[in-house]
Amino acid sequence: MKNSKFVINKLTQLFEKGLVSSKDLTNEIITILKSKRDEIVFRMKLTSKDEFDVLSKRVENLEKIISRSKQTKKKTKQAKKS
């Protein structure tokens, strides 16, 4: 319940600020979720701060690679068989 109130409060703050565009809204939601994820990992003390920074950079690089590969898959077309 506490987490849902947190998310709802963040969303209402976004609307108050005037973020109307869907891209702005999605970027802001992703940023909120990433910060919440980071907070949970720090609370659990799974890794040290340095290790976490390195791992988060690796994850960001992998996300970029995945997004690039999705874009290239959309652009490729199947050749017709004769």
PDB file of N, CA and C in Angstrom:
ATOM      1  N   MET A   1       0.827  -1.187   0.000  1.00  0.00           N
ATOM      2  CA  MET A   1       0.000   0.000   0.000  1.00  0.00           C
ATOM      3  C   MET A   1       0.870   1.249   0.000  1.00  0.00           C
ATOM      4  N   LYS A   2       1.943   1.180   0.766  1.00  0.00           N
ATOM      5  CA  LYS A   2       2.845   2.314   0.860  1.00  0.00           C
ATOM      6  C   LYS A   2       3.495   2.603  -0.494  1.00  0.00           C
ATOM      7  N   ASN A   3       3.883   1.548  -1.208  1.00  0.00           N
ATOM      8  CA  ASN A   3       4.507   1.729  -2.514  1.00  0.00           C
ATOM      9  C   ASN A   3       3.530   2.291  -3.532  1.00  0.00           C
ATOM     10  N   SER A   4       2.278   1.853  -3.482  1.00  0.00           N
ATOM     11  CA  SER A   4       1.296   2.370  -4.432  1.00  0.00           C
ATOM     12  C   SER A   4       1.016   3.848  -4.167  1.00  0.00           C
ATOM     13  N   LYS A   5       1.008   4.237  -2.893  1.00  0.00           N
ATOM     14  CA  LYS A   5       0.842   5.663  -2.583  1.00  0.00           C
ATOM     15  C   LYS A   5       2.014   6.461  -3.110  1.00  0.00           C
ATOM     16  N   PHE A   6       3.212   5.886  -3.017  1.00  0.00           N
ATOM     17  CA  PHE A   6       4.406   6.565  -3.524  1.00  0.00           C
ATOM     18  C   PHE A   6       4.287   6.812  -5.023  1.00  0.00           C
ATOM     19  N   VAL A   7       3.882   5.781  -5.761  1.00  0.00           N
ATOM     20  CA  VAL A   7       3.757   5.902  -7.213  1.00  0.00           C
ATOM     21  C   VAL A   7       2.661   6.894  -7.577  1.00  0.00           C
ATOM     22  N   ILE A   8       1.537   6.831  -6.884  1.00  0.00           N
ATOM     23  CA  ILE A   8       0.430   7.748  -7.169  1.00  0.00           C
ATOM     24  C   ILE A   8       0.839   9.189  -6.877  1.00  0.00           C
ATOM     25  N   ASN A   9       1.547   9.406  -5.774  1.00  0.00           N
ATOM     26  CA  ASN A   9       2.015  10.757  -5.456  1.00  0.00           C
ATOM     27  C   ASN A   9       2.967  11.275  -6.513  1.00  0.00           C
ATOM     28  N   LYS A  10       3.865  10.427  -7.000  1.00  0.00           N
ATOM     29  CA  LYS A  10       4.799  10.836  -8.048  1.00  0.00           C
ATOM     30  C   LYS A  10       4.051  11.194  -9.326  1.00  0.00           C
ATOM     31  N   LEU A  11       3.045  10.397  -9.682  1.00  0.00           N
ATOM     32  CA  LEU A  11       2.278  10.683 -10.892  1.00  0.00           C
ATOM     33  C   LEU A  11       1.507  11.996 -10.776  1.00  0.00           C
ATOM     34  N   THR A  12       0.925  12.253  -9.604  1.00  0.00           N
ATOM     35  CA  THR A  12       0.207  13.518  -9.435  1.00  0.00           C
ATOM     36  C   THR A  12       1.158  14.697  -9.498  1.00  0.00           C
ATOM     37  N   GLN A  13       2.364  14.525  -8.975  1.00  0.00           N
ATOM     38  CA  GLN A  13       3.352  15.603  -9.070  1.00  0.00           C
ATOM     39  C   GLN A  13       3.717  15.866 -10.521  1.00  0.00           C
ATOM     40  N   LEU A  14       3.810  14.809 -11.321  1.00  0.00           N
ATOM     41  CA  LEU A  14       4.127  14.977 -12.738  1.00  0.00           C
ATOM     42  C   LEU A  14       3.036  15.765 -13.454  1.00  0.00           C
ATOM     43  N   PHE A  15       1.786  15.436 -13.171  1.00  0.00           N
ATOM     44  CA  PHE A  15       0.690  16.160 -13.815  1.00  0.00           C
ATOM     45  C   PHE A  15       0.635  17.608 -13.361  1.00  0.00           C
ATOM     46  N   GLU A  16       0.968  17.850 -12.101  1.00  0.00           N
ATOM     47  CA  GLU A  16       0.987  19.224 -11.606  1.00  0.00           C
ATOM     48  C   GLU A  16       2.066  20.044 -12.303  1.00  0.00           C
ATOM     49  N   LYS A  17       3.187  19.407 -12.600  1.00  0.00           N
ATOM     50  CA  LYS A  17       4.278  20.119 -13.268  1.00  0.00           C
ATOM     51  C   LYS A  17       3.952  20.402 -14.729  1.00  0.00           C
ATOM     52  N   GLY A  18       2.987  19.714 -15.263  1.00  0.00           N
ATOM     53  CA  GLY A  18       2.566  19.984 -16.630  1.00  0.00           C
ATOM     54  C   GLY A  18       3.195  19.082 -17.655  1.00  0.00           C
ATOM     55  N   LEU A  19       3.674  17.934 -17.254  1.00  0.00           N
ATOM     56  CA  LEU A  19       4.220  16.997 -18.222  1.00  0.00           C
ATOM     57  C   LEU A  19       3.059  16.312 -18.928  1.00  0.00           C
ATOM     58  N   VAL A  20       2.771  16.768 -20.117  1.00  0.00           N
ATOM     59  CA  VAL A  20       1.611  16.267 -20.827  1.00  0.00           C
ATOM     60  C   VAL A  20       2.025  15.280 -21.913  1.00  0.00           C
ATOM     61  N   SER A  21       3.176  15.475 -22.467  1.00  0.00           N
ATOM     62  CA  SER A  21       3.629  14.621 -23.552  1.00  0.00           C
ATOM     63  C   SER A  21       3.838  13.191 -23.053  1.00  0.00           C
ATOM     64  N   SER A  22       3.484  12.243 -23.897  1.00  0.00           N
ATOM     65  CA  SER A  22       3.619  10.836 -23.490  1.00  0.00           C
ATOM     66  C   SER A  22       5.082  10.434 -23.343  1.00  0.00           C
ATOM     67  N   LYS A  23       5.954  10.993 -24.182  1.00  0.00           N
ATOM     68  CA  LYS A  23       7.380  10.673 -24.062  1.00  0.00           C
ATOM     69  C   LYS A  23       7.934  11.198 -22.744  1.00  0.00           C
ATOM     70  N   ASP A  24       7.572  12.430 -22.389  1.00  0.00           N
ATOM     71  CA  ASP A  24       8.024  12.982 -21.125  1.00  0.00           C
ATOM     72  C   ASP A  24       7.516  12.146 -19.960  1.00  0.00           C
ATOM     73  N   LEU A  25       6.285  11.745 -20.054  1.00  0.00           N
ATOM     74  CA  LEU A  25       5.679  10.959 -18.987  1.00  0.00           C
ATOM     75  C   LEU A  25       6.360   9.596 -18.854  1.00  0.00           C
ATOM     76  N   THR A  26       6.590   8.921 -19.975  1.00  0.00           N
ATOM     77  CA  THR A  26       7.241   7.608 -19.909  1.00  0.00           C
ATOM     78  C   THR A  26       8.674   7.727 -19.410  1.00  0.00           C
ATOM     79  N   ASN A  27       9.397   8.751 -19.855  1.00  0.00           N
ATOM     80  CA  ASN A  27      10.764   8.940 -19.375  1.00  0.00           C
ATOM     81  C   ASN A  27      10.787   9.203 -17.882  1.00  0.00           C
ATOM     82  N   GLU A  28       9.855   9.987 -17.410  1.00  0.00           N
ATOM     83  CA  GLU A  28       9.795  10.300 -15.986  1.00  0.00           C
ATOM     84  C   GLU A  28       9.424   9.064 -15.162  1.00  0.00           C
ATOM     85  N   ILE A  29       8.506   8.269 -15.654  1.00  0.00           N
ATOM     86  CA  ILE A  29       8.117   7.045 -14.942  1.00  0.00           C
ATOM     87  C   ILE A  29       9.287   6.068 -14.887  1.00  0.00           C
ATOM     88  N   ILE A  30      10.011   5.937 -15.986  1.00  0.00           N
ATOM     89  CA  ILE A  30      11.174   5.055 -16.009  1.00  0.00           C
ATOM     90  C   ILE A  30      12.232   5.534 -15.024  1.00  0.00           C
ATOM     91  N   THR A  31      12.444   6.844 -14.962  1.00  0.00           N
ATOM     92  CA  THR A  31      13.413   7.402 -14.016  1.00  0.00           C
ATOM     93  C   THR A  31      12.992   7.128 -12.580  1.00  0.00           C
ATOM     94  N   ILE A  32      11.722   7.280 -12.289  1.00  0.00           N
ATOM     95  CA  ILE A  32      11.214   7.018 -10.931  1.00  0.00           C
ATOM     96  C   ILE A  32      11.407   5.554 -10.567  1.00  0.00           C
ATOM     97  N   LEU A  33      11.077   4.663 -11.500  1.00  0.00           N
ATOM     98  CA  LEU A  33      11.211   3.235 -11.224  1.00  0.00           C
ATOM     99  C   LEU A  33      12.666   2.823 -11.048  1.00  0.00           C
ATOM    100  N   LYS A  34      13.566   3.412 -11.835  1.00  0.00           N
ATOM    101  CA  LYS A  34      14.985   3.102 -11.680  1.00  0.00           C
ATOM    102  C   LYS A  34      15.514   3.573 -10.337  1.00  0.00           C
ATOM    103  N   SER A  35      15.087   4.760  -9.910  1.00  0.00           N
ATOM    104  CA  SER A  35      15.547   5.257  -8.614  1.00  0.00           C
ATOM    105  C   SER A  35      14.995   4.401  -7.481  1.00  0.00           C
ATOM    106  N   LYS A  36      13.750   3.941  -7.630  1.00  0.00           N
ATOM    107  CA  LYS A  36      13.161   3.059  -6.625  1.00  0.00           C
ATOM    108  C   LYS A  36      13.903   1.724  -6.578  1.00  0.00           C
ATOM    109  N   ARG A  37      14.269   1.205  -7.741  1.00  0.00           N
ATOM    110  CA  ARG A  37      15.035  -0.032  -7.816  1.00  0.00           C
ATOM    111  C   ARG A  37      16.391   0.131  -7.124  1.00  0.00           C
ATOM    112  N   ASP A  38      17.061   1.244  -7.398  1.00  0.00           N
ATOM    113  CA  ASP A  38      18.347   1.514  -6.766  1.00  0.00           C
ATOM    114  C   ASP A  38      18.208   1.594  -5.250  1.00  0.00           C
ATOM    115  N   GLU A  39      17.158   2.233  -4.803  1.00  0.00           N
ATOM    116  CA  GLU A  39      16.918   2.364  -3.362  1.00  0.00           C
ATOM    117  C   GLU A  39      16.723   1.000  -2.710  1.00  0.00           C
ATOM    118  N   ILE A  40      15.985   0.126  -3.358  1.00  0.00           N
ATOM    119  CA  ILE A  40      15.740  -1.215  -2.817  1.00  0.00           C
ATOM    120  C   ILE A  40      17.037  -2.012  -2.750  1.00  0.00           C
ATOM    121  N   VAL A  41      17.850  -1.922  -3.797  1.00  0.00           N
ATOM    122  CA  VAL A  41      19.114  -2.655  -3.819  1.00  0.00           C
ATOM    123  C   VAL A  41      20.037  -2.147  -2.717  1.00  0.00           C
ATOM    124  N   PHE A  42      20.081  -0.847  -2.501  1.00  0.00           N
ATOM    125  CA  PHE A  42      20.928  -0.304  -1.441  1.00  0.00           C
ATOM    126  C   PHE A  42      20.444  -0.761  -0.071  1.00  0.00           C
ATOM    127  N   ARG A  43      19.136  -0.825   0.113  1.00  0.00           N
ATOM    128  CA  ARG A  43      18.591  -1.276   1.393  1.00  0.00           C
ATOM    129  C   ARG A  43      18.929  -2.736   1.664  1.00  0.00           C
ATOM    130  N   MET A  44      18.924  -3.537   0.619  1.00  0.00           N
ATOM    131  CA  MET A  44      19.211  -4.952   0.778  1.00  0.00           C
ATOM    132  C   MET A  44      20.698  -5.214   0.992  1.00  0.00           C
ATOM    133  N   LYS A  45      21.521  -4.243   0.676  1.00  0.00           N
ATOM    134  CA  LYS A  45      22.977  -4.331   0.827  1.00  0.00           C
ATOM    135  C   LYS A  45      23.540  -5.545   0.091  1.00  0.00           C
ATOM    136  N   LEU A  46      23.077  -5.729  -1.132  1.00  0.00           N
ATOM    137  CA  LEU A  46      23.570  -6.837  -1.941  1.00  0.00           C
ATOM    138  C   LEU A  46      24.989  -6.578  -2.430  1.00  0.00           C
ATOM    139  N   THR A  47      25.249  -5.336  -2.797  1.00  0.00           N
ATOM    140  CA  THR A  47      26.560  -4.982  -3.314  1.00  0.00           C
ATOM    141  C   THR A  47      27.012  -3.666  -2.694  1.00  0.00           C
ATOM    142  N   SER A  48      28.284  -3.383  -2.860  1.00  0.00           N
ATOM    143  CA  SER A  48      28.783  -2.091  -2.404  1.00  0.00           C
ATOM    144  C   SER A  48      28.409  -1.028  -3.427  1.00  0.00           C
ATOM    145  N   LYS A  49      28.604   0.211  -3.085  1.00  0.00           N
ATOM    146  CA  LYS A  49      28.255   1.328  -3.970  1.00  0.00           C
ATOM    147  C   LYS A  49      29.053   1.259  -5.274  1.00  0.00           C
ATOM    148  N   ASP A  50      30.344   0.974  -5.176  1.00  0.00           N
ATOM    149  CA  ASP A  50      31.189   0.907  -6.371  1.00  0.00           C
ATOM    150  C   ASP A  50      30.756  -0.229  -7.292  1.00  0.00           C
ATOM    151  N   GLU A  51      30.501  -1.397  -6.710  1.00  0.00           N
ATOM    152  CA  GLU A  51      30.067  -2.529  -7.507  1.00  0.00           C
ATOM    153  C   GLU A  51      28.728  -2.236  -8.175  1.00  0.00           C
ATOM    154  N   PHE A  52      27.853  -1.597  -7.442  1.00  0.00           N
ATOM    155  CA  PHE A  52      26.540  -1.285  -7.988  1.00  0.00           C
ATOM    156  C   PHE A  52      26.648  -0.317  -9.160  1.00  0.00           C
ATOM    157  N   ASP A  53      27.517   0.676  -9.046  1.00  0.00           N
ATOM    158  CA  ASP A  53      27.702   1.621 -10.144  1.00  0.00           C
ATOM    159  C   ASP A  53      28.214   0.922 -11.395  1.00  0.00           C
ATOM    160  N   VAL A  54      29.176   0.018 -11.220  1.00  0.00           N
ATOM    161  CA  VAL A  54      29.715  -0.718 -12.360  1.00  0.00           C
ATOM    162  C   VAL A  54      28.639  -1.593 -12.990  1.00  0.00           C
ATOM    163  N   LEU A  55      27.882  -2.291 -12.142  1.00  0.00           N
ATOM    164  CA  LEU A  55      26.829  -3.170 -12.661  1.00  0.00           C
ATOM    165  C   LEU A  55      25.724  -2.387 -13.355  1.00  0.00           C
ATOM    166  N   SER A  56      25.371  -1.225 -12.806  1.00  0.00           N
ATOM    167  CA  SER A  56      24.320  -0.431 -13.446  1.00  0.00           C
ATOM    168  C   SER A  56      24.776   0.091 -14.804  1.00  0.00           C
ATOM    169  N   LYS A  57      26.067   0.448 -14.933  1.00  0.00           N
ATOM    170  CA  LYS A  57      26.579   0.877 -16.235  1.00  0.00           C
ATOM    171  C   LYS A  57      26.542  -0.265 -17.240  1.00  0.00           C
ATOM    172  N   ARG A  58      26.852  -1.478 -16.773  1.00  0.00           N
ATOM    173  CA  ARG A  58      26.783  -2.638 -17.662  1.00  0.00           C
ATOM    174  C   ARG A  58      25.356  -2.884 -18.134  1.00  0.00           C
ATOM    175  N   VAL A  59      24.416  -2.754 -17.231  1.00  0.00           N
ATOM    176  CA  VAL A  59      23.010  -2.956 -17.587  1.00  0.00           C
ATOM    177  C   VAL A  59      22.562  -1.895 -18.583  1.00  0.00           C
ATOM    178  N   GLU A  60      22.965  -0.651 -18.376  1.00  0.00           N
ATOM    179  CA  GLU A  60      22.603   0.413 -19.317  1.00  0.00           C
ATOM    180  C   GLU A  60      23.176   0.129 -20.696  1.00  0.00           C
ATOM    181  N   ASN A  61      24.428  -0.338 -20.750  1.00  0.00           N
ATOM    182  CA  ASN A  61      25.034  -0.678 -22.043  1.00  0.00           C
ATOM    183  C   ASN A  61      24.287  -1.811 -22.719  1.00  0.00           C
ATOM    184  N   LEU A  62      23.893  -2.819 -21.958  1.00  0.00           N
ATOM    185  CA  LEU A  62      23.142  -3.927 -22.531  1.00  0.00           C
ATOM    186  C   LEU A  62      21.774  -3.476 -23.021  1.00  0.00           C
ATOM    187  N   GLU A  63      21.122  -2.562 -22.281  1.00  0.00           N
ATOM    188  CA  GLU A  63      19.830  -2.031 -22.727  1.00  0.00           C
ATOM    189  C   GLU A  63      19.974  -1.280 -24.047  1.00  0.00           C
ATOM    190  N   LYS A  64      21.074  -0.535 -24.196  1.00  0.00           N
ATOM    191  CA  LYS A  64      21.319   0.189 -25.447  1.00  0.00           C
ATOM    192  C   LYS A  64      21.516  -0.790 -26.598  1.00  0.00           C
ATOM    193  N   ILE A  65      22.276  -1.850 -26.346  1.00  0.00           N
ATOM    194  CA  ILE A  65      22.530  -2.844 -27.383  1.00  0.00           C
ATOM    195  C   ILE A  65      21.226  -3.528 -27.788  1.00  0.00           C
ATOM    196  N   ILE A  66      20.396  -3.851 -26.823  1.00  0.00           N
ATOM    197  CA  ILE A  66      19.112  -4.494 -27.113  1.00  0.00           C
ATOM    198  C   ILE A  66      18.211  -3.568 -27.923  1.00  0.00           C
ATOM    199  N   SER A  67      18.170  -2.292 -27.540  1.00  0.00           N
ATOM    200  CA  SER A  67      17.318  -1.359 -28.279  1.00  0.00           C
ATOM    201  C   SER A  67      17.815  -1.180 -29.708  1.00  0.00           C
ATOM    202  N   ARG A  68      19.131  -1.176 -29.893  1.00  0.00           N
ATOM    203  CA  ARG A  68      19.685  -1.062 -31.249  1.00  0.00           C
ATOM    204  C   ARG A  68      19.339  -2.292 -32.077  1.00  0.00           C
ATOM    205  N   SER A  69      19.429  -3.467 -31.460  1.00  0.00           N
ATOM    206  CA  SER A  69      19.132  -4.681 -32.206  1.00  0.00           C
ATOM    207  C   SER A  69      17.654  -4.742 -32.577  1.00  0.00           C
ATOM    208  N   LYS A  70      16.776  -4.233 -31.710  1.00  0.00           N
ATOM    209  CA  LYS A  70      15.347  -4.194 -32.040  1.00  0.00           C
ATOM    210  C   LYS A  70      15.099  -3.264 -33.214  1.00  0.00           C
ATOM    211  N   GLN A  71      15.829  -2.150 -33.254  1.00  0.00           N
ATOM    212  CA  GLN A  71      15.648  -1.206 -34.357  1.00  0.00           C
ATOM    213  C   GLN A  71      16.121  -1.822 -35.669  1.00  0.00           C
ATOM    214  N   THR A  72      17.237  -2.540 -35.631  1.00  0.00           N
ATOM    215  CA  THR A  72      17.742  -3.130 -36.868  1.00  0.00           C
ATOM    216  C   THR A  72      16.835  -4.263 -37.338  1.00  0.00           C
ATOM    217  N   LYS A  73      16.206  -4.993 -36.430  1.00  0.00           N
ATOM    218  CA  LYS A  73      15.294  -6.059 -36.822  1.00  0.00           C
ATOM    219  C   LYS A  73      14.071  -5.486 -37.520  1.00  0.00           C
ATOM    220  N   LYS A  74      13.620  -4.326 -37.091  1.00  0.00           N
ATOM    221  CA  LYS A  74      12.457  -3.705 -37.714  1.00  0.00           C
ATOM    222  C   LYS A  74      12.774  -3.249 -39.132  1.00  0.00           C
ATOM    223  N   LYS A  75      14.015  -2.839 -39.377  1.00  0.00           N
ATOM    224  CA  LYS A  75      14.381  -2.299 -40.682  1.00  0.00           C
ATOM    225  C   LYS A  75      14.617  -3.386 -41.714  1.00  0.00           C
ATOM    226  N   THR A  76      15.032  -4.576 -41.294  1.00  0.00           N
ATOM    227  CA  THR A  76      15.321  -5.644 -42.256  1.00  0.00           C
ATOM    228  C   THR A  76      14.037  -6.198 -42.834  1.00  0.00           C
ATOM    229  N   LYS A  77      14.106  -6.546 -44.105  1.00  0.00           N
ATOM    230  CA  LYS A  77      12.949  -7.105 -44.788  1.00  0.00           C
ATOM    231  C   LYS A  77      13.294  -8.489 -45.301  1.00  0.00           C
ATOM    232  N   GLN A  78      12.319  -9.331 -45.353  1.00  0.00           N
ATOM    233  CA  GLN A  78      12.508 -10.687 -45.858  1.00  0.00           C
ATOM    234  C   GLN A  78      12.540 -10.644 -47.397  1.00  0.00           C
ATOM    235  N   ALA A  79      13.437 -11.394 -47.968  1.00  0.00           N
ATOM    236  CA  ALA A  79      13.508 -11.490 -49.422  1.00  0.00           C
ATOM    237  C   ALA A  79      12.456 -12.483 -49.908  1.00  0.00           C
ATOM    238  N   LYS A  80      11.907 -12.194 -51.069  1.00  0.00           N
ATOM    239  CA  LYS A  80      10.904 -13.093 -51.635  1.00  0.00           C
ATOM    240  C   LYS A  80      11.579 -14.314 -52.242  1.00  0.00           C
ATOM    241  N   LYS A  81      10.965 -15.455 -52.001  1.00  0.00           N
ATOM    242  CA  LYS A  81      11.490 -16.687 -52.605  1.00  0.00           C
ATOM    243  C   LYS A  81      10.958 -16.808 -54.017  1.00  0.00           C
ATOM    244  N   SER A  82      11.826 -17.247 -54.924  1.00  0.00           N
ATOM    245  CA  SER A  82      11.386 -17.381 -56.311  1.00  0.00           C
ATOM    246  C   SER A  82      11.211 -18.805 -56.725  1.00  0.00           C
TER     247      SER A  82
END
